[in-house]
């Protein structure tokens, strides 16, 4: 196990992917944690905020069925990771800025569809790029990066406490998501390590 950890953490694409997971999971956890506070200033109540969370999850379930299918069919991971990260940005910006429930709901769906779909593709990517590290070890490290991402949830709250709005933190994490998409373009497919 120790050798597997060392190998995975010495694989540059794997380490870059851990950074991407930190940002992506931080955004997902932050949005689902603070959804009511995000939309309340635009006149959306607690019940509708819950519906928005459900819409995001439904979009994610659909995205997690569609995007990995095409990734498996093409036997490529990187383009679909980049696609998911870039595709989630309009959803995140819409969630931050859209004026009405319908546009916010559409944004939530788009955010869920693309951001959540990165997870199964990314877990497969992590296992492939970290090989011969055991898959359980590589997936454990990915899960750990996702757990540490709770720091972004607290950062979103801190920014809200300072500015009085979650809009600023959503724009900041949208920029981080764009930076993650750029970072994802430097990932190497398993056969190119």
N, C-alpha and C. Protein backbone atom coordinates (compact mmCIF):
# COMPACT_ATOMS: atom_id res chain seq x y z
N UNK A 1 0.82 -1.19 0.00
CA UNK A 1 0.00 0.00 0.00
C UNK A 1 0.87 1.26 0.00
N UNK A 2 1.93 1.23 0.81
CA UNK A 2 2.81 2.40 0.90
C UNK A 2 3.46 2.66 -0.45
N UNK A 3 3.89 1.60 -1.12
CA UNK A 3 4.49 1.76 -2.45
C UNK A 3 3.48 2.34 -3.43
N UNK A 4 2.23 1.88 -3.34
CA UNK A 4 1.18 2.41 -4.20
C UNK A 4 0.93 3.88 -3.95
N UNK A 5 0.92 4.29 -2.68
CA UNK A 5 0.76 5.71 -2.34
C UNK A 5 1.89 6.53 -2.91
N UNK A 6 3.12 6.05 -2.72
CA UNK A 6 4.29 6.77 -3.23
C UNK A 6 4.20 6.93 -4.74
N UNK A 7 3.85 5.82 -5.41
CA UNK A 7 3.78 5.89 -6.88
C UNK A 7 2.71 6.89 -7.34
N UNK A 8 1.53 6.81 -6.74
CA UNK A 8 0.43 7.71 -7.13
C UNK A 8 0.82 9.16 -6.91
N UNK A 9 1.42 9.45 -5.76
CA UNK A 9 1.77 10.83 -5.43
C UNK A 9 2.99 11.35 -6.19
N UNK A 10 3.68 10.45 -6.89
CA UNK A 10 4.79 10.86 -7.76
C UNK A 10 4.35 10.96 -9.22
N UNK A 11 3.09 10.68 -9.49
CA UNK A 11 2.56 10.74 -10.85
C UNK A 11 1.95 12.13 -11.05
N UNK A 12 2.60 13.00 -11.84
CA UNK A 12 2.13 14.39 -11.95
C UNK A 12 0.66 14.54 -12.36
N UNK A 13 0.20 13.76 -13.32
CA UNK A 13 -1.20 13.89 -13.74
C UNK A 13 -2.15 13.50 -12.62
N UNK A 14 -1.79 12.52 -11.84
CA UNK A 14 -2.63 12.12 -10.71
C UNK A 14 -2.71 13.24 -9.68
N UNK A 15 -1.59 13.84 -9.37
CA UNK A 15 -1.57 14.94 -8.39
C UNK A 15 -2.38 16.13 -8.92
N UNK A 16 -2.25 16.44 -10.21
CA UNK A 16 -3.05 17.53 -10.79
C UNK A 16 -4.54 17.20 -10.70
N UNK A 17 -4.87 15.92 -10.91
CA UNK A 17 -6.27 15.53 -10.81
C UNK A 17 -6.79 15.70 -9.38
N UNK A 18 -5.95 15.44 -8.39
CA UNK A 18 -6.37 15.65 -6.99
C UNK A 18 -6.73 17.11 -6.74
N UNK A 19 -5.99 18.03 -7.35
CA UNK A 19 -6.31 19.46 -7.22
C UNK A 19 -7.67 19.75 -7.86
N UNK A 20 -7.91 19.16 -9.01
CA UNK A 20 -9.19 19.34 -9.71
C UNK A 20 -10.34 18.80 -8.85
N UNK A 21 -10.14 17.65 -8.24
CA UNK A 21 -11.16 17.06 -7.37
C UNK A 21 -11.43 17.98 -6.18
N UNK A 22 -10.38 18.53 -5.60
CA UNK A 22 -10.54 19.45 -4.47
C UNK A 22 -11.47 20.60 -4.86
N UNK A 23 -11.23 21.20 -6.00
CA UNK A 23 -12.05 22.34 -6.45
C UNK A 23 -13.46 21.88 -6.78
N UNK A 24 -13.59 20.83 -7.59
CA UNK A 24 -14.92 20.36 -8.03
C UNK A 24 -15.80 19.92 -6.88
N UNK A 25 -15.25 19.12 -5.97
CA UNK A 25 -16.04 18.66 -4.83
C UNK A 25 -16.33 19.82 -3.87
N UNK A 26 -15.39 20.74 -3.75
CA UNK A 26 -15.62 21.91 -2.91
C UNK A 26 -16.79 22.73 -3.42
N UNK A 27 -16.86 22.89 -4.74
CA UNK A 27 -17.97 23.64 -5.34
C UNK A 27 -19.28 22.90 -5.12
N UNK A 28 -19.29 21.60 -5.40
CA UNK A 28 -20.52 20.82 -5.21
C UNK A 28 -20.98 20.91 -3.75
N UNK A 29 -20.07 20.66 -2.83
CA UNK A 29 -20.42 20.71 -1.40
C UNK A 29 -20.84 22.11 -0.97
N UNK A 30 -20.16 23.13 -1.48
CA UNK A 30 -20.51 24.50 -1.14
C UNK A 30 -21.89 24.89 -1.64
N UNK A 31 -22.17 24.57 -2.89
CA UNK A 31 -23.48 24.92 -3.46
C UNK A 31 -24.59 24.18 -2.75
N UNK A 32 -24.41 22.88 -2.51
CA UNK A 32 -25.49 22.13 -1.85
C UNK A 32 -25.66 22.55 -0.39
N UNK A 33 -24.59 22.98 0.24
CA UNK A 33 -24.68 23.45 1.63
C UNK A 33 -25.36 24.81 1.72
N UNK A 34 -25.02 25.71 0.83
CA UNK A 34 -25.47 27.10 0.95
C UNK A 34 -26.55 27.48 -0.05
N UNK A 35 -27.20 26.50 -0.71
CA UNK A 35 -28.16 26.83 -1.78
C UNK A 35 -29.24 27.80 -1.31
N UNK A 36 -29.75 27.63 -0.12
CA UNK A 36 -30.81 28.53 0.33
C UNK A 36 -30.30 29.96 0.49
N UNK A 37 -29.13 30.12 1.07
CA UNK A 37 -28.53 31.45 1.21
C UNK A 37 -28.15 32.06 -0.12
N UNK A 38 -27.82 31.22 -1.09
CA UNK A 38 -27.46 31.71 -2.43
C UNK A 38 -28.66 32.33 -3.12
N UNK A 39 -29.83 31.69 -3.01
CA UNK A 39 -31.00 32.13 -3.79
C UNK A 39 -31.98 32.99 -3.00
N UNK A 40 -31.90 33.00 -1.68
CA UNK A 40 -32.83 33.79 -0.86
C UNK A 40 -32.88 35.26 -1.26
N UNK A 41 -31.72 35.92 -1.53
CA UNK A 41 -31.79 37.34 -1.90
C UNK A 41 -32.57 37.61 -3.20
N UNK A 42 -32.81 36.57 -3.99
CA UNK A 42 -33.58 36.75 -5.23
C UNK A 42 -35.03 36.32 -5.06
N UNK A 43 -35.47 36.26 -3.80
CA UNK A 43 -36.88 36.00 -3.52
C UNK A 43 -37.27 34.53 -3.56
N UNK A 44 -36.32 33.63 -3.50
CA UNK A 44 -36.63 32.20 -3.55
C UNK A 44 -36.57 31.64 -2.14
N UNK A 45 -37.67 30.98 -1.74
CA UNK A 45 -37.79 30.47 -0.39
C UNK A 45 -37.13 29.11 -0.19
N UNK A 46 -37.27 28.62 1.02
CA UNK A 46 -36.64 27.36 1.43
C UNK A 46 -37.13 26.18 0.59
N UNK A 47 -38.44 26.10 0.33
CA UNK A 47 -38.97 24.98 -0.44
C UNK A 47 -38.42 24.97 -1.86
N UNK A 48 -38.40 26.15 -2.49
CA UNK A 48 -37.87 26.22 -3.85
C UNK A 48 -36.36 25.97 -3.87
N UNK A 49 -35.66 26.37 -2.82
CA UNK A 49 -34.22 26.09 -2.74
C UNK A 49 -33.99 24.58 -2.69
N UNK A 50 -34.83 23.87 -1.94
CA UNK A 50 -34.74 22.42 -1.91
C UNK A 50 -34.99 21.80 -3.27
N UNK A 51 -35.93 22.37 -4.00
CA UNK A 51 -36.21 21.90 -5.36
C UNK A 51 -34.99 22.12 -6.25
N UNK A 52 -34.32 23.26 -6.08
CA UNK A 52 -33.12 23.54 -6.88
C UNK A 52 -32.03 22.51 -6.60
N UNK A 53 -31.87 22.14 -5.32
CA UNK A 53 -30.90 21.10 -4.98
C UNK A 53 -31.25 19.78 -5.64
N UNK A 54 -32.54 19.45 -5.65
CA UNK A 54 -32.99 18.21 -6.29
C UNK A 54 -32.76 18.25 -7.79
N UNK A 55 -33.01 19.41 -8.40
CA UNK A 55 -32.78 19.56 -9.84
C UNK A 55 -31.31 19.36 -10.16
N UNK A 56 -30.44 19.90 -9.33
CA UNK A 56 -29.01 19.73 -9.55
C UNK A 56 -28.63 18.25 -9.46
N UNK A 57 -29.18 17.54 -8.50
CA UNK A 57 -28.87 16.12 -8.36
C UNK A 57 -29.43 15.30 -9.51
N UNK A 58 -30.63 15.62 -9.96
CA UNK A 58 -31.20 14.91 -11.12
C UNK A 58 -30.33 15.15 -12.35
N UNK A 59 -29.93 16.41 -12.55
CA UNK A 59 -29.01 16.70 -13.66
C UNK A 59 -27.72 15.90 -13.53
N UNK A 60 -27.22 15.79 -12.30
CA UNK A 60 -26.00 15.03 -12.07
C UNK A 60 -26.15 13.56 -12.37
N UNK A 61 -27.28 12.99 -11.98
CA UNK A 61 -27.51 11.56 -12.26
C UNK A 61 -27.56 11.33 -13.77
N UNK A 62 -28.26 12.21 -14.47
CA UNK A 62 -28.34 12.07 -15.93
C UNK A 62 -26.95 12.25 -16.55
N UNK A 63 -26.23 13.28 -16.11
CA UNK A 63 -24.88 13.51 -16.62
C UNK A 63 -23.95 12.35 -16.32
N UNK A 64 -24.10 11.74 -15.13
CA UNK A 64 -23.25 10.62 -14.74
C UNK A 64 -23.57 9.35 -15.52
N UNK A 65 -24.71 9.33 -16.20
CA UNK A 65 -25.01 8.20 -17.09
C UNK A 65 -24.54 8.50 -18.51
N UNK A 66 -24.68 9.75 -18.94
CA UNK A 66 -24.39 10.10 -20.33
C UNK A 66 -22.89 10.27 -20.59
N UNK A 67 -22.24 11.15 -19.86
CA UNK A 67 -20.85 11.50 -20.17
C UNK A 67 -19.90 10.32 -19.99
N UNK A 68 -19.99 9.53 -18.90
CA UNK A 68 -19.10 8.37 -18.80
C UNK A 68 -19.30 7.35 -19.93
N UNK A 69 -20.53 7.25 -20.42
CA UNK A 69 -20.79 6.34 -21.55
C UNK A 69 -19.93 6.72 -22.75
N UNK A 70 -19.93 8.01 -23.09
CA UNK A 70 -19.13 8.46 -24.22
C UNK A 70 -17.63 8.36 -23.93
N UNK A 71 -17.25 8.61 -22.69
CA UNK A 71 -15.84 8.47 -22.30
C UNK A 71 -15.38 7.03 -22.46
N UNK A 72 -16.20 6.08 -22.00
CA UNK A 72 -15.85 4.66 -22.14
C UNK A 72 -15.80 4.24 -23.60
N UNK A 73 -16.77 4.74 -24.37
CA UNK A 73 -16.82 4.38 -25.79
C UNK A 73 -15.59 4.89 -26.53
N UNK A 74 -15.12 6.08 -26.18
CA UNK A 74 -13.93 6.65 -26.82
C UNK A 74 -12.63 6.16 -26.18
N UNK A 75 -12.75 5.50 -25.02
CA UNK A 75 -11.58 5.05 -24.24
C UNK A 75 -10.65 6.23 -23.93
N UNK A 76 -11.24 7.39 -23.68
CA UNK A 76 -10.51 8.61 -23.31
C UNK A 76 -11.18 9.21 -22.09
N UNK A 77 -10.40 9.80 -21.23
CA UNK A 77 -10.93 10.43 -20.03
C UNK A 77 -10.73 11.94 -20.05
N UNK A 78 -9.54 12.36 -20.43
CA UNK A 78 -9.18 13.79 -20.36
C UNK A 78 -10.19 14.71 -21.06
N UNK A 79 -10.58 14.45 -22.32
CA UNK A 79 -11.51 15.40 -22.96
C UNK A 79 -12.84 15.52 -22.23
N UNK A 80 -13.27 14.44 -21.59
CA UNK A 80 -14.55 14.46 -20.91
C UNK A 80 -14.44 15.13 -19.54
N UNK A 81 -13.28 15.04 -18.93
CA UNK A 81 -13.05 15.79 -17.69
C UNK A 81 -13.05 17.28 -18.00
N UNK A 82 -12.34 17.66 -19.06
CA UNK A 82 -12.30 19.08 -19.47
C UNK A 82 -13.71 19.55 -19.84
N UNK A 83 -14.44 18.75 -20.61
CA UNK A 83 -15.81 19.09 -21.00
C UNK A 83 -16.69 19.32 -19.78
N UNK A 84 -16.61 18.42 -18.81
CA UNK A 84 -17.43 18.55 -17.60
C UNK A 84 -17.12 19.81 -16.82
N UNK A 85 -15.84 20.13 -16.70
CA UNK A 85 -15.45 21.33 -15.95
C UNK A 85 -15.88 22.60 -16.67
N UNK A 86 -15.65 22.66 -17.97
CA UNK A 86 -16.05 23.84 -18.74
C UNK A 86 -17.58 23.96 -18.78
N UNK A 87 -18.25 22.83 -18.97
CA UNK A 87 -19.72 22.84 -19.05
C UNK A 87 -20.38 23.29 -17.76
N UNK A 88 -19.72 23.06 -16.62
CA UNK A 88 -20.29 23.44 -15.33
C UNK A 88 -20.21 24.93 -15.07
N UNK A 89 -19.29 25.62 -15.74
CA UNK A 89 -19.09 27.05 -15.47
C UNK A 89 -20.35 27.88 -15.76
N UNK A 90 -21.02 27.71 -16.92
CA UNK A 90 -22.24 28.50 -17.13
C UNK A 90 -23.32 28.22 -16.08
N UNK A 91 -23.39 26.97 -15.64
CA UNK A 91 -24.36 26.64 -14.59
C UNK A 91 -24.05 27.36 -13.29
N UNK A 92 -22.79 27.41 -12.96
CA UNK A 92 -22.36 28.08 -11.73
C UNK A 92 -22.59 29.59 -11.82
N UNK A 93 -22.26 30.18 -12.94
CA UNK A 93 -22.48 31.62 -13.14
C UNK A 93 -23.98 31.93 -13.14
N UNK A 94 -24.77 31.07 -13.77
CA UNK A 94 -26.22 31.26 -13.76
C UNK A 94 -26.79 31.17 -12.35
N UNK A 95 -26.27 30.23 -11.58
CA UNK A 95 -26.71 30.11 -10.19
C UNK A 95 -26.38 31.38 -9.40
N UNK A 96 -25.26 31.99 -9.74
CA UNK A 96 -24.84 33.21 -9.05
C UNK A 96 -25.64 34.43 -9.49
N UNK A 97 -26.02 34.50 -10.76
CA UNK A 97 -26.54 35.76 -11.31
C UNK A 97 -27.95 35.72 -11.90
N UNK A 98 -28.49 34.53 -12.19
CA UNK A 98 -29.79 34.46 -12.86
C UNK A 98 -30.87 35.10 -11.99
N UNK A 99 -31.80 35.86 -12.62
CA UNK A 99 -32.78 36.62 -11.84
C UNK A 99 -34.01 35.85 -11.38
N UNK A 100 -34.41 34.80 -12.04
CA UNK A 100 -35.67 34.15 -11.68
C UNK A 100 -35.51 32.66 -11.47
N UNK A 101 -36.56 32.05 -10.89
CA UNK A 101 -36.49 30.63 -10.53
C UNK A 101 -36.21 29.75 -11.74
N UNK A 102 -36.85 30.00 -12.86
CA UNK A 102 -36.70 29.13 -14.03
C UNK A 102 -35.24 29.13 -14.51
N UNK A 103 -34.63 30.31 -14.60
CA UNK A 103 -33.23 30.38 -15.04
C UNK A 103 -32.29 29.78 -14.00
N UNK A 104 -32.60 29.99 -12.75
CA UNK A 104 -31.76 29.40 -11.70
C UNK A 104 -31.90 27.87 -11.72
N UNK A 105 -33.12 27.38 -11.96
CA UNK A 105 -33.33 25.93 -12.05
C UNK A 105 -32.57 25.35 -13.23
N UNK A 106 -32.62 26.02 -14.38
CA UNK A 106 -31.87 25.55 -15.55
C UNK A 106 -30.37 25.56 -15.25
N UNK A 107 -29.91 26.58 -14.58
CA UNK A 107 -28.50 26.67 -14.21
C UNK A 107 -28.11 25.54 -13.25
N UNK A 108 -28.98 25.23 -12.31
CA UNK A 108 -28.73 24.14 -11.38
C UNK A 108 -28.62 22.81 -12.11
N UNK A 109 -29.50 22.61 -13.08
CA UNK A 109 -29.46 21.37 -13.87
C UNK A 109 -28.14 21.27 -14.63
N UNK A 110 -27.76 22.34 -15.30
CA UNK A 110 -26.51 22.35 -16.08
C UNK A 110 -25.31 22.11 -15.16
N UNK A 111 -25.29 22.79 -14.03
CA UNK A 111 -24.19 22.61 -13.07
C UNK A 111 -24.10 21.15 -12.64
N UNK A 112 -25.23 20.57 -12.25
CA UNK A 112 -25.23 19.17 -11.83
C UNK A 112 -24.84 18.23 -12.94
N UNK A 113 -25.41 18.45 -14.14
CA UNK A 113 -25.16 17.57 -15.28
C UNK A 113 -23.66 17.46 -15.56
N UNK A 114 -22.98 18.58 -15.61
CA UNK A 114 -21.57 18.55 -15.98
C UNK A 114 -20.64 18.27 -14.80
N UNK A 115 -20.89 18.93 -13.68
CA UNK A 115 -19.94 18.80 -12.56
C UNK A 115 -19.97 17.40 -11.95
N UNK A 116 -21.16 16.86 -11.72
CA UNK A 116 -21.25 15.53 -11.12
C UNK A 116 -20.76 14.46 -12.08
N UNK A 117 -20.95 14.66 -13.38
CA UNK A 117 -20.51 13.67 -14.37
C UNK A 117 -18.99 13.54 -14.42
N UNK A 118 -18.27 14.55 -13.95
CA UNK A 118 -16.80 14.46 -13.93
C UNK A 118 -16.35 13.38 -12.94
N UNK A 119 -17.13 13.16 -11.89
CA UNK A 119 -16.71 12.24 -10.84
C UNK A 119 -16.47 10.81 -11.33
N UNK A 120 -17.44 10.15 -11.97
CA UNK A 120 -17.16 8.77 -12.39
C UNK A 120 -16.05 8.69 -13.45
N UNK A 121 -16.01 9.66 -14.35
CA UNK A 121 -14.94 9.68 -15.35
C UNK A 121 -13.60 9.89 -14.66
N UNK A 122 -13.58 10.78 -13.69
CA UNK A 122 -12.35 11.08 -12.96
C UNK A 122 -11.87 9.92 -12.12
N UNK A 123 -12.78 9.20 -11.48
CA UNK A 123 -12.36 8.04 -10.69
C UNK A 123 -11.72 6.99 -11.60
N UNK A 124 -12.27 6.80 -12.77
CA UNK A 124 -11.68 5.86 -13.72
C UNK A 124 -10.32 6.38 -14.19
N UNK A 125 -10.25 7.66 -14.46
CA UNK A 125 -8.98 8.27 -14.87
C UNK A 125 -7.92 8.07 -13.80
N UNK A 126 -8.29 8.34 -12.54
CA UNK A 126 -7.33 8.22 -11.44
C UNK A 126 -6.79 6.80 -11.35
N UNK A 127 -7.68 5.82 -11.47
CA UNK A 127 -7.24 4.43 -11.41
C UNK A 127 -6.30 4.10 -12.56
N UNK A 128 -6.60 4.60 -13.76
CA UNK A 128 -5.77 4.30 -14.94
C UNK A 128 -4.41 4.99 -14.87
N UNK A 129 -4.40 6.26 -14.52
CA UNK A 129 -3.16 7.03 -14.57
C UNK A 129 -2.22 6.66 -13.42
N UNK A 130 -2.77 6.19 -12.30
CA UNK A 130 -1.94 5.83 -11.15
C UNK A 130 -1.47 4.38 -11.21
N UNK A 131 -1.93 3.61 -12.18
CA UNK A 131 -1.54 2.20 -12.30
C UNK A 131 -0.03 2.08 -12.31
N UNK A 132 0.58 1.20 -11.56
CA UNK A 132 0.07 0.00 -10.89
C UNK A 132 -0.40 0.19 -9.45
N UNK A 133 -0.56 1.41 -9.01
CA UNK A 133 -1.15 1.64 -7.69
C UNK A 133 -2.52 0.96 -7.66
N UNK A 134 -2.83 0.21 -6.59
CA UNK A 134 -4.14 -0.42 -6.52
C UNK A 134 -5.27 0.61 -6.64
N UNK A 135 -6.32 0.21 -7.32
CA UNK A 135 -7.44 1.12 -7.56
C UNK A 135 -8.04 1.63 -6.27
N UNK A 136 -8.11 0.80 -5.24
CA UNK A 136 -8.64 1.24 -3.96
C UNK A 136 -7.80 2.35 -3.35
N UNK A 137 -6.50 2.27 -3.54
CA UNK A 137 -5.61 3.31 -3.00
C UNK A 137 -5.78 4.62 -3.76
N UNK A 138 -5.80 4.54 -5.09
CA UNK A 138 -5.95 5.78 -5.87
C UNK A 138 -7.32 6.41 -5.62
N UNK A 139 -8.37 5.60 -5.56
CA UNK A 139 -9.71 6.14 -5.30
C UNK A 139 -9.82 6.67 -3.87
N UNK A 140 -9.09 6.06 -2.93
CA UNK A 140 -9.07 6.58 -1.57
C UNK A 140 -8.44 7.96 -1.50
N UNK A 141 -7.36 8.17 -2.27
CA UNK A 141 -6.73 9.49 -2.31
C UNK A 141 -7.65 10.53 -2.95
N UNK A 142 -8.37 10.12 -3.98
CA UNK A 142 -9.33 11.03 -4.63
C UNK A 142 -10.43 11.40 -3.63
N UNK A 143 -10.93 10.41 -2.91
CA UNK A 143 -11.97 10.66 -1.91
C UNK A 143 -11.45 11.59 -0.81
N UNK A 144 -10.21 11.38 -0.39
CA UNK A 144 -9.61 12.25 0.62
C UNK A 144 -9.54 13.70 0.13
N UNK A 145 -9.12 13.89 -1.13
CA UNK A 145 -9.09 15.25 -1.69
C UNK A 145 -10.48 15.87 -1.70
N UNK A 146 -11.49 15.05 -1.99
CA UNK A 146 -12.86 15.53 -1.95
C UNK A 146 -13.30 15.91 -0.55
N UNK A 147 -12.85 15.16 0.45
CA UNK A 147 -13.21 15.46 1.83
C UNK A 147 -12.53 16.75 2.31
N UNK A 148 -11.28 16.92 1.93
CA UNK A 148 -10.54 18.13 2.33
C UNK A 148 -11.18 19.38 1.71
N UNK A 149 -11.91 19.18 0.61
CA UNK A 149 -12.51 20.31 -0.09
C UNK A 149 -13.55 21.03 0.75
N UNK A 150 -13.90 20.49 1.92
CA UNK A 150 -14.81 21.20 2.81
C UNK A 150 -14.25 22.58 3.16
N UNK A 151 -12.95 22.75 3.00
CA UNK A 151 -12.35 24.06 3.22
C UNK A 151 -12.97 25.12 2.32
N UNK A 152 -13.34 24.74 1.09
CA UNK A 152 -14.00 25.70 0.18
C UNK A 152 -15.39 26.07 0.69
N UNK A 153 -16.06 25.11 1.32
CA UNK A 153 -17.39 25.39 1.88
C UNK A 153 -17.27 26.48 2.95
N UNK A 154 -16.28 26.33 3.82
CA UNK A 154 -16.07 27.34 4.86
C UNK A 154 -15.60 28.66 4.27
N UNK A 155 -14.80 28.60 3.22
CA UNK A 155 -14.35 29.83 2.57
C UNK A 155 -15.53 30.58 1.97
N UNK A 156 -16.47 29.84 1.36
CA UNK A 156 -17.66 30.48 0.80
C UNK A 156 -18.45 31.20 1.89
N UNK A 157 -18.58 30.55 3.04
CA UNK A 157 -19.30 31.17 4.15
C UNK A 157 -18.56 32.42 4.65
N UNK A 158 -17.24 32.33 4.75
CA UNK A 158 -16.45 33.47 5.22
C UNK A 158 -16.59 34.65 4.26
N UNK A 159 -16.55 34.39 2.96
CA UNK A 159 -16.70 35.47 1.97
C UNK A 159 -18.10 36.07 2.07
N UNK A 160 -19.11 35.22 2.27
CA UNK A 160 -20.47 35.71 2.44
C UNK A 160 -20.58 36.60 3.67
N UNK A 161 -19.92 36.20 4.76
CA UNK A 161 -19.98 36.99 5.99
C UNK A 161 -19.34 38.37 5.80
N UNK A 162 -18.31 38.44 4.96
CA UNK A 162 -17.62 39.71 4.71
C UNK A 162 -18.40 40.58 3.73
N UNK A 163 -18.90 39.95 2.64
CA UNK A 163 -19.53 40.73 1.57
C UNK A 163 -21.04 40.82 1.69
N UNK A 164 -21.65 39.92 2.46
CA UNK A 164 -23.11 39.92 2.59
C UNK A 164 -23.81 39.22 1.45
N UNK A 165 -23.07 38.52 0.59
CA UNK A 165 -23.67 37.81 -0.54
C UNK A 165 -22.80 36.62 -0.92
N UNK A 166 -23.49 35.56 -1.39
CA UNK A 166 -22.75 34.40 -1.90
C UNK A 166 -22.32 34.61 -3.35
N UNK A 167 -22.81 35.66 -4.00
CA UNK A 167 -22.46 35.91 -5.40
C UNK A 167 -20.96 36.03 -5.58
N UNK A 168 -20.30 36.73 -4.70
CA UNK A 168 -18.85 36.91 -4.81
C UNK A 168 -18.14 35.57 -4.73
N UNK A 169 -18.52 34.74 -3.75
CA UNK A 169 -17.85 33.45 -3.62
C UNK A 169 -18.16 32.54 -4.81
N UNK A 170 -19.36 32.62 -5.37
CA UNK A 170 -19.70 31.81 -6.55
C UNK A 170 -18.87 32.24 -7.76
N UNK A 171 -18.66 33.53 -7.92
CA UNK A 171 -17.82 33.99 -9.03
C UNK A 171 -16.37 33.54 -8.81
N UNK A 172 -15.90 33.60 -7.58
CA UNK A 172 -14.53 33.15 -7.28
C UNK A 172 -14.39 31.66 -7.59
N UNK A 173 -15.35 30.84 -7.16
CA UNK A 173 -15.22 29.40 -7.43
C UNK A 173 -15.44 29.10 -8.91
N UNK A 174 -16.19 29.94 -9.62
CA UNK A 174 -16.30 29.77 -11.08
C UNK A 174 -14.94 29.99 -11.74
N UNK A 175 -14.21 30.98 -11.25
CA UNK A 175 -12.85 31.22 -11.75
C UNK A 175 -11.96 30.03 -11.42
N UNK A 176 -12.08 29.51 -10.20
CA UNK A 176 -11.31 28.32 -9.82
C UNK A 176 -11.67 27.12 -10.70
N UNK A 177 -12.93 27.02 -11.05
CA UNK A 177 -13.37 25.94 -11.94
C UNK A 177 -12.75 26.10 -13.33
N UNK A 178 -12.71 27.34 -13.81
CA UNK A 178 -12.04 27.60 -15.10
C UNK A 178 -10.56 27.26 -15.03
N UNK A 179 -9.91 27.62 -13.91
CA UNK A 179 -8.49 27.27 -13.74
C UNK A 179 -8.31 25.76 -13.70
N UNK A 180 -9.27 25.07 -13.09
CA UNK A 180 -9.21 23.60 -13.05
C UNK A 180 -9.36 23.01 -14.45
N UNK A 181 -10.22 23.61 -15.26
CA UNK A 181 -10.37 23.14 -16.64
C UNK A 181 -9.07 23.32 -17.41
N UNK A 182 -8.42 24.46 -17.19
CA UNK A 182 -7.12 24.69 -17.84
C UNK A 182 -6.10 23.66 -17.34
N UNK A 183 -6.10 23.41 -16.04
CA UNK A 183 -5.20 22.40 -15.47
C UNK A 183 -5.49 21.02 -16.06
N UNK A 184 -6.77 20.73 -16.27
CA UNK A 184 -7.15 19.42 -16.82
C UNK A 184 -6.61 19.21 -18.24
N UNK A 185 -6.39 20.29 -18.96
CA UNK A 185 -5.83 20.11 -20.32
C UNK A 185 -4.41 19.58 -20.27
N UNK A 186 -3.75 19.67 -19.11
CA UNK A 186 -2.38 19.16 -18.99
C UNK A 186 -2.34 17.71 -18.50
N UNK A 187 -3.51 17.12 -18.21
CA UNK A 187 -3.54 15.73 -17.81
C UNK A 187 -3.11 14.84 -18.97
N UNK A 188 -2.47 13.77 -18.64
CA UNK A 188 -2.03 12.80 -19.66
C UNK A 188 -2.93 11.58 -19.56
N UNK A 189 -3.34 11.08 -20.72
CA UNK A 189 -4.06 9.81 -20.74
C UNK A 189 -3.09 8.72 -20.30
N UNK A 190 -3.60 7.62 -19.80
CA UNK A 190 -2.77 6.55 -19.25
C UNK A 190 -1.70 6.08 -20.22
N UNK A 191 -1.99 5.96 -21.49
CA UNK A 191 -1.01 5.47 -22.46
C UNK A 191 0.03 6.53 -22.82
N UNK A 192 -0.10 7.77 -22.30
CA UNK A 192 0.83 8.85 -22.63
C UNK A 192 1.68 9.26 -21.43
N UNK A 193 1.61 8.53 -20.33
CA UNK A 193 2.33 8.91 -19.13
C UNK A 193 3.81 9.05 -19.43
